[in-house]
């Protein structure tokens, strides 16, 4: 049995429209990456993902003052694991909205408007709900090691050879498909609640390793992704934790001197203490460069532990 969260965490916050992110065959790299329609849809991916990391987020219930009290009302937010199928469907609709409609991803779903794949029935779905309106406004998909055994693999095994992490699998949780409703990205509250709920989930169930992918937008054809990967080389995992992309980003064909900012989500993982476990994979469905990241809970930055672990225990 997997323990859920204790009582849901809640935050009083406000909304304001803004722009965010974020999760195999490979067609021709240049044709697909540089296709004009995909470049238009993905041109704002880095700025979208930047909202996923907000170090200043406070996890306790609080009122957030607004400059114009009548401009945008406060919302009551609560994080929990989805308990009902309707909550799971609401999270899947949000994922479709963000990944398919905003980012132009090609999702292998049988039902238009819902992002659902073969892993979903085996996953826990962490959600943030606006209780004032009943909307699911943020979500993270969690695949436990027990569920990974039942489904037959981790999702990331479709992108990477995880052979060297085999000995970690009994204690390794995979996260992905994280996204936030565009109306709720102006505040750090939603991502703070998602991370605190995830921390509580890990601690309550005694899991020791967190694995996932940190995506980098490729609106420029991948040159910026190559630059970011070169810049973070000091965060590479020890050799025994290295994984290998099944569809590698062709780094030798890209100009790593094209300077771009490191996406905030990548910075967040690294500041928390995560390793980068290998070269990036190219995900043609999402048209992103995916960095494999591994966070041993024993390496969790004390600052993050103070914000996300202690307050959620």
Protein backbone atom coordinates (compact mmCIF):
# COMPACT_ATOMS: atom_id res chain seq x y z
CA UNK A 1 0.00 0.00 0.00
CA UNK A 2 1.16 3.50 -0.78
CA UNK A 3 0.45 6.10 1.84
CA UNK A 4 -1.19 9.24 0.57
CA UNK A 5 -0.84 12.75 1.80
CA UNK A 6 -2.03 13.72 5.23
CA UNK A 7 -4.50 16.59 5.29
CA UNK A 8 -4.24 18.72 2.15
CA UNK A 9 -2.08 21.81 2.27
CA UNK A 10 -3.82 25.03 1.30
CA UNK A 11 -2.85 28.54 0.36
CA UNK A 12 -4.91 31.69 -0.16
CA UNK A 13 -3.64 33.32 -3.33
CA UNK A 14 -4.86 35.21 -6.34
CA UNK A 15 -4.82 34.72 -10.07
CA UNK A 16 -3.87 36.84 -12.99
CA UNK A 17 -3.49 35.74 -16.58
CA UNK A 18 0.08 34.79 -17.50
CA UNK A 19 2.06 32.52 -19.82
CA UNK A 20 3.91 28.43 -18.42
CA UNK A 21 5.07 24.66 -18.67
CA UNK A 22 5.74 21.55 -18.20
CA UNK A 23 6.40 15.66 -20.17
CA UNK A 24 9.55 6.53 -30.10
CA UNK A 25 10.72 6.67 -33.13
CA UNK A 26 12.61 9.64 -34.50
CA UNK A 27 11.70 11.31 -37.82
CA UNK A 28 14.24 13.55 -39.50
CA UNK A 29 15.61 15.91 -36.87
CA UNK A 30 15.96 19.09 -38.91
CA UNK A 31 12.64 18.74 -40.74
CA UNK A 32 10.63 18.26 -37.55
CA UNK A 33 12.47 20.61 -35.21
CA UNK A 34 12.59 23.50 -37.65
CA UNK A 35 9.06 23.12 -39.03
CA UNK A 36 7.52 26.63 -38.89
CA UNK A 37 4.29 25.53 -37.22
CA UNK A 38 6.15 23.81 -34.41
CA UNK A 39 8.49 26.75 -33.95
CA UNK A 40 5.55 29.13 -33.56
CA UNK A 41 3.84 26.90 -31.00
CA UNK A 42 7.01 26.26 -29.02
CA UNK A 43 8.66 29.66 -29.21
CA UNK A 44 7.58 30.53 -25.67
CA UNK A 45 8.44 27.20 -24.03
CA UNK A 46 11.39 28.49 -22.01
CA UNK A 47 9.35 31.36 -20.61
CA UNK A 48 6.48 28.97 -19.95
CA UNK A 49 8.68 26.59 -17.95
CA UNK A 50 10.21 29.43 -15.96
CA UNK A 51 7.10 29.60 -13.80
CA UNK A 52 7.75 26.10 -12.48
CA UNK A 53 10.49 27.22 -10.11
CA UNK A 54 9.76 29.87 -7.47
CA UNK A 55 12.09 29.68 -4.50
CA UNK A 56 10.21 32.31 -2.56
CA UNK A 57 7.00 30.27 -2.36
CA UNK A 58 5.53 30.02 1.12
CA UNK A 59 3.70 26.83 2.05
CA UNK A 60 1.67 27.92 5.04
CA UNK A 61 -1.85 29.30 4.64
CA UNK A 62 -1.59 32.98 4.01
CA UNK A 63 -3.35 35.95 2.48
CA UNK A 64 -1.59 37.52 -0.49
CA UNK A 65 -2.31 41.25 -0.76
CA UNK A 66 -3.15 42.65 -4.15
CA UNK A 67 -2.54 46.14 -5.42
CA UNK A 68 -6.15 46.28 -6.62
CA UNK A 69 -8.40 44.20 -4.35
CA UNK A 70 -11.24 44.29 -6.85
CA UNK A 71 -9.09 43.19 -9.79
CA UNK A 72 -8.69 39.49 -9.03
CA UNK A 73 -10.27 37.64 -6.12
CA UNK A 74 -8.33 35.30 -3.85
CA UNK A 75 -8.58 31.56 -4.44
CA UNK A 76 -8.46 28.78 -1.93
CA UNK A 77 -5.91 26.18 -3.07
CA UNK A 78 -5.43 22.69 -1.70
CA UNK A 79 -3.02 19.90 -2.70
CA UNK A 80 -3.89 16.21 -2.48
CA UNK A 81 -3.74 12.96 -4.37
CA UNK A 82 -6.66 12.49 -6.74
CA UNK A 83 -9.19 10.22 -5.04
CA UNK A 84 -11.89 10.05 -7.70
CA UNK A 85 -11.84 9.31 -11.41
CA UNK A 86 -13.35 12.73 -12.09
CA UNK A 87 -10.31 14.36 -10.47
CA UNK A 88 -7.95 12.30 -12.62
CA UNK A 89 -9.87 13.28 -15.76
CA UNK A 90 -9.71 16.94 -14.73
CA UNK A 91 -5.92 16.64 -14.39
CA UNK A 92 -5.71 14.95 -17.80
CA UNK A 93 -7.78 17.74 -19.37
CA UNK A 94 -5.40 20.30 -17.90
CA UNK A 95 -2.43 18.39 -19.30
CA UNK A 96 -4.04 18.40 -22.77
CA UNK A 97 -4.67 22.12 -22.52
CA UNK A 98 -1.03 22.84 -21.66
CA UNK A 99 0.86 20.27 -23.71
CA UNK A 100 -1.30 19.91 -26.83
CA UNK A 101 -3.00 23.28 -27.14
CA UNK A 102 -0.28 25.57 -25.75
CA UNK A 103 2.87 23.71 -26.71
CA UNK A 104 1.75 21.81 -29.79
CA UNK A 105 2.72 18.37 -28.49
CA UNK A 106 1.47 15.29 -30.31
CA UNK A 107 -0.19 13.27 -27.57
CA UNK A 108 -0.99 9.58 -28.12
CA UNK A 109 -4.45 9.83 -26.58
CA UNK A 110 -7.53 8.06 -27.92
CA UNK A 111 -9.84 10.81 -26.67
CA UNK A 112 -9.44 14.34 -27.93
CA UNK A 113 -9.06 16.85 -25.13
CA UNK A 114 -7.69 14.36 -22.59
CA UNK A 115 -4.00 13.48 -22.20
CA UNK A 116 -4.13 9.82 -21.25
CA UNK A 117 -1.60 7.08 -21.94
CA UNK A 118 -0.96 3.52 -20.79
CA UNK A 119 0.83 4.71 -17.62
CA UNK A 120 -2.04 6.80 -16.26
CA UNK A 121 -4.07 3.96 -14.68
CA UNK A 122 -0.98 2.91 -12.70
CA UNK A 123 -0.02 6.38 -11.49
CA UNK A 124 -0.91 8.53 -8.53
CA UNK A 125 -2.08 11.96 -9.64
CA UNK A 126 -1.06 14.84 -7.40
CA UNK A 127 -3.43 17.77 -7.92
CA UNK A 128 -3.89 21.31 -6.70
CA UNK A 129 -7.54 22.33 -6.64
CA UNK A 130 -9.05 25.77 -6.43
CA UNK A 131 -11.81 25.01 -3.95
CA UNK A 132 -13.56 28.28 -4.72
CA UNK A 133 -14.35 27.17 -8.25
CA UNK A 134 -13.69 23.43 -8.08
CA UNK A 135 -11.01 23.57 -10.77
CA UNK A 136 -7.88 21.44 -10.90
CA UNK A 137 -5.21 24.06 -11.55
CA UNK A 138 -1.98 22.09 -11.17
CA UNK A 139 -0.88 18.48 -11.42
CA UNK A 140 2.08 16.11 -11.21
CA UNK A 141 1.99 12.44 -12.25
CA UNK A 142 3.72 10.02 -9.87
CA UNK A 143 4.77 6.47 -10.77
CA UNK A 144 5.86 4.42 -7.77
CA UNK A 145 8.30 1.50 -8.09
CA UNK A 146 5.49 -0.94 -7.29
CA UNK A 147 3.35 0.53 -10.07
CA UNK A 148 6.30 0.56 -12.49
CA UNK A 149 6.67 -3.18 -11.95
CA UNK A 150 2.98 -3.70 -12.70
CA UNK A 151 3.02 -1.63 -15.89
CA UNK A 152 6.37 -3.10 -16.93
CA UNK A 153 8.64 -0.04 -16.96
CA UNK A 154 9.07 3.58 -16.07
CA UNK A 155 7.86 6.13 -18.62
CA UNK A 156 11.40 7.49 -18.97
CA UNK A 157 12.64 4.08 -20.08
CA UNK A 158 11.05 4.94 -23.43
CA UNK A 159 13.58 7.77 -23.70
CA UNK A 160 16.58 6.40 -21.82
CA UNK A 161 18.36 3.15 -21.06
CA UNK A 162 18.14 3.05 -17.26
CA UNK A 163 20.18 -0.14 -16.79
CA UNK A 164 22.64 1.49 -14.39
CA UNK A 165 19.76 2.58 -12.14
CA UNK A 166 18.30 -0.92 -11.86
CA UNK A 167 19.53 -1.32 -8.28
CA UNK A 168 17.68 1.88 -7.28
CA UNK A 169 14.31 0.91 -8.74
CA UNK A 170 12.81 -0.61 -5.57
CA UNK A 171 13.16 2.84 -3.93
CA UNK A 172 12.79 5.10 -7.00
CA UNK A 173 9.74 7.21 -7.84
CA UNK A 174 9.25 8.78 -11.26
CA UNK A 175 7.51 12.12 -11.74
CA UNK A 176 6.34 13.81 -14.89
CA UNK A 177 3.53 15.54 -16.80
CA UNK A 178 3.72 18.52 -14.45
CA UNK A 179 1.71 21.55 -15.51
CA UNK A 180 -0.19 24.53 -14.17
CA UNK A 181 -3.32 26.23 -15.44
CA UNK A 182 -2.31 29.43 -17.30
CA UNK A 183 -4.59 31.53 -15.09
CA UNK A 184 -2.62 30.51 -11.98
CA UNK A 185 0.97 31.04 -13.07
CA UNK A 186 1.43 34.54 -11.75
CA UNK A 187 1.81 33.18 -8.21
CA UNK A 188 4.31 30.72 -6.78
CA UNK A 189 1.60 29.07 -4.70
CA UNK A 190 0.62 26.25 -7.06
CA UNK A 191 4.13 24.93 -7.76
CA UNK A 192 4.99 25.31 -4.07
CA UNK A 193 2.02 23.14 -3.15
CA UNK A 194 2.88 20.53 -5.79
CA UNK A 195 6.46 20.26 -4.53
CA UNK A 196 5.41 20.12 -0.89
CA UNK A 197 2.88 17.40 -1.68
CA UNK A 198 5.51 15.47 -3.59
CA UNK A 199 7.97 15.81 -0.69
CA UNK A 200 5.37 14.51 1.75
CA UNK A 201 4.57 11.60 -0.57
CA UNK A 202 8.24 10.62 -0.74
CA UNK A 203 8.82 10.89 3.00
CA UNK A 204 5.64 9.11 4.10
CA UNK A 205 6.33 6.14 1.86
CA UNK A 206 10.05 5.89 2.50
CA UNK A 207 11.13 6.35 -1.11
CA UNK A 208 14.74 7.46 -1.52
CA UNK A 209 15.17 8.49 -5.16
CA UNK A 210 13.22 10.78 -7.46
CA UNK A 211 13.70 10.54 -11.22
CA UNK A 212 12.28 12.65 -13.99
CA UNK A 213 13.06 14.73 -17.04
CA UNK A 214 13.78 18.45 -17.19
CA UNK A 215 12.75 19.68 -20.62
CA UNK A 216 14.44 22.40 -22.66
CA UNK A 217 12.57 24.12 -25.47
CA UNK A 218 13.87 23.72 -29.00
CA UNK A 219 12.27 26.62 -30.83
CA UNK A 220 15.78 27.55 -32.03
CA UNK A 221 16.44 24.09 -33.41
CA UNK A 222 18.22 22.80 -30.32
CA UNK A 223 21.25 25.09 -30.17
CA UNK A 224 20.17 26.58 -26.86
CA UNK A 225 19.65 23.11 -25.41
CA UNK A 226 23.21 22.20 -26.40
CA UNK A 227 24.46 25.37 -24.69
CA UNK A 228 22.53 24.60 -21.48
CA UNK A 229 23.84 21.04 -21.40
CA UNK A 230 27.43 22.27 -21.76
CA UNK A 231 26.89 24.84 -19.02
CA UNK A 232 25.63 22.35 -16.44
CA UNK A 233 28.34 19.76 -17.02
CA UNK A 234 29.49 20.17 -13.42
CA UNK A 235 26.27 18.54 -12.22
CA UNK A 236 26.75 15.23 -14.01
CA UNK A 237 26.03 12.10 -12.01
CA UNK A 238 28.74 9.61 -11.06
CA UNK A 239 29.34 7.02 -13.75
CA UNK A 240 27.34 4.39 -11.89
CA UNK A 241 24.22 6.56 -12.25
CA UNK A 242 24.60 7.36 -15.95
CA UNK A 243 21.75 6.66 -18.37
CA UNK A 244 21.77 6.74 -22.17
CA UNK A 245 19.26 8.38 -24.53
CA UNK A 246 17.54 6.17 -27.05
CA UNK A 247 17.04 9.14 -29.38
CA UNK A 248 20.02 11.37 -28.57
CA UNK A 249 19.97 15.07 -29.22
CA UNK A 250 22.60 15.43 -32.01
CA UNK A 251 24.95 17.64 -30.02
CA UNK A 252 27.67 17.42 -32.65
CA UNK A 253 25.34 19.12 -35.16
CA UNK A 254 24.40 21.97 -32.85
CA UNK A 255 26.12 25.23 -31.94
CA UNK A 256 26.61 25.22 -28.17
CA UNK A 257 27.98 28.77 -28.27
CA UNK A 258 24.46 30.15 -28.76
CA UNK A 259 23.97 31.57 -25.27
CA UNK A 260 20.55 31.19 -23.63
CA UNK A 261 19.38 31.27 -20.06
CA UNK A 262 19.19 27.95 -18.26
CA UNK A 263 15.47 27.16 -17.83
CA UNK A 264 14.27 27.77 -14.31
CA UNK A 265 12.98 24.21 -13.97
CA UNK A 266 16.48 22.87 -14.70
CA UNK A 267 17.95 25.33 -12.18
CA UNK A 268 15.39 24.24 -9.62
CA UNK A 269 16.30 20.57 -9.90
CA UNK A 270 20.02 21.28 -9.70
CA UNK A 271 19.69 23.64 -6.73
CA UNK A 272 17.66 20.99 -4.96
CA UNK A 273 20.61 18.61 -5.31
CA UNK A 274 19.71 16.58 -8.40
CA UNK A 275 22.21 14.95 -10.73
CA UNK A 276 22.04 15.12 -14.51
CA UNK A 277 22.39 11.47 -15.46
CA UNK A 278 23.41 11.70 -19.08
CA UNK A 279 23.14 13.35 -22.49
CA UNK A 280 19.76 14.85 -23.41
CA UNK A 281 17.23 12.92 -25.41
CA UNK A 282 15.21 14.51 -28.19
CA UNK A 283 11.49 13.98 -27.68
CA UNK A 284 9.95 14.46 -31.14
CA UNK A 285 6.38 14.39 -29.79
CA UNK A 286 6.97 17.36 -27.48
CA UNK A 287 9.89 18.74 -29.55
CA UNK A 288 12.00 19.20 -26.45
CA UNK A 289 15.44 18.19 -25.28
CA UNK A 290 14.91 16.12 -22.14
CA UNK A 291 17.57 15.98 -19.45
CA UNK A 292 17.43 12.89 -17.22
CA UNK A 293 17.62 14.03 -13.60
CA UNK A 294 17.97 11.97 -10.43
CA UNK A 295 17.45 13.41 -6.96
CA UNK A 296 18.54 11.19 -4.07
CA UNK A 297 16.60 12.42 -1.07
CA UNK A 298 19.83 12.21 0.92
CA UNK A 299 21.23 14.97 -1.34
CA UNK A 300 18.25 17.27 -0.95
CA UNK A 301 19.51 20.79 -0.36
CA UNK A 302 18.84 21.74 3.30
CA UNK A 303 17.17 24.93 2.12
CA UNK A 304 14.71 22.88 0.08
CA UNK A 305 14.26 20.43 2.93
CA UNK A 306 13.33 23.31 5.18
CA UNK A 307 10.73 24.59 2.73
CA UNK A 308 9.30 21.38 1.31
CA UNK A 309 9.97 18.48 3.66
CA UNK A 310 9.78 19.75 7.21
CA UNK A 311 6.68 21.83 6.58
CA UNK A 312 4.88 18.93 4.90
CA UNK A 313 5.64 16.32 7.56
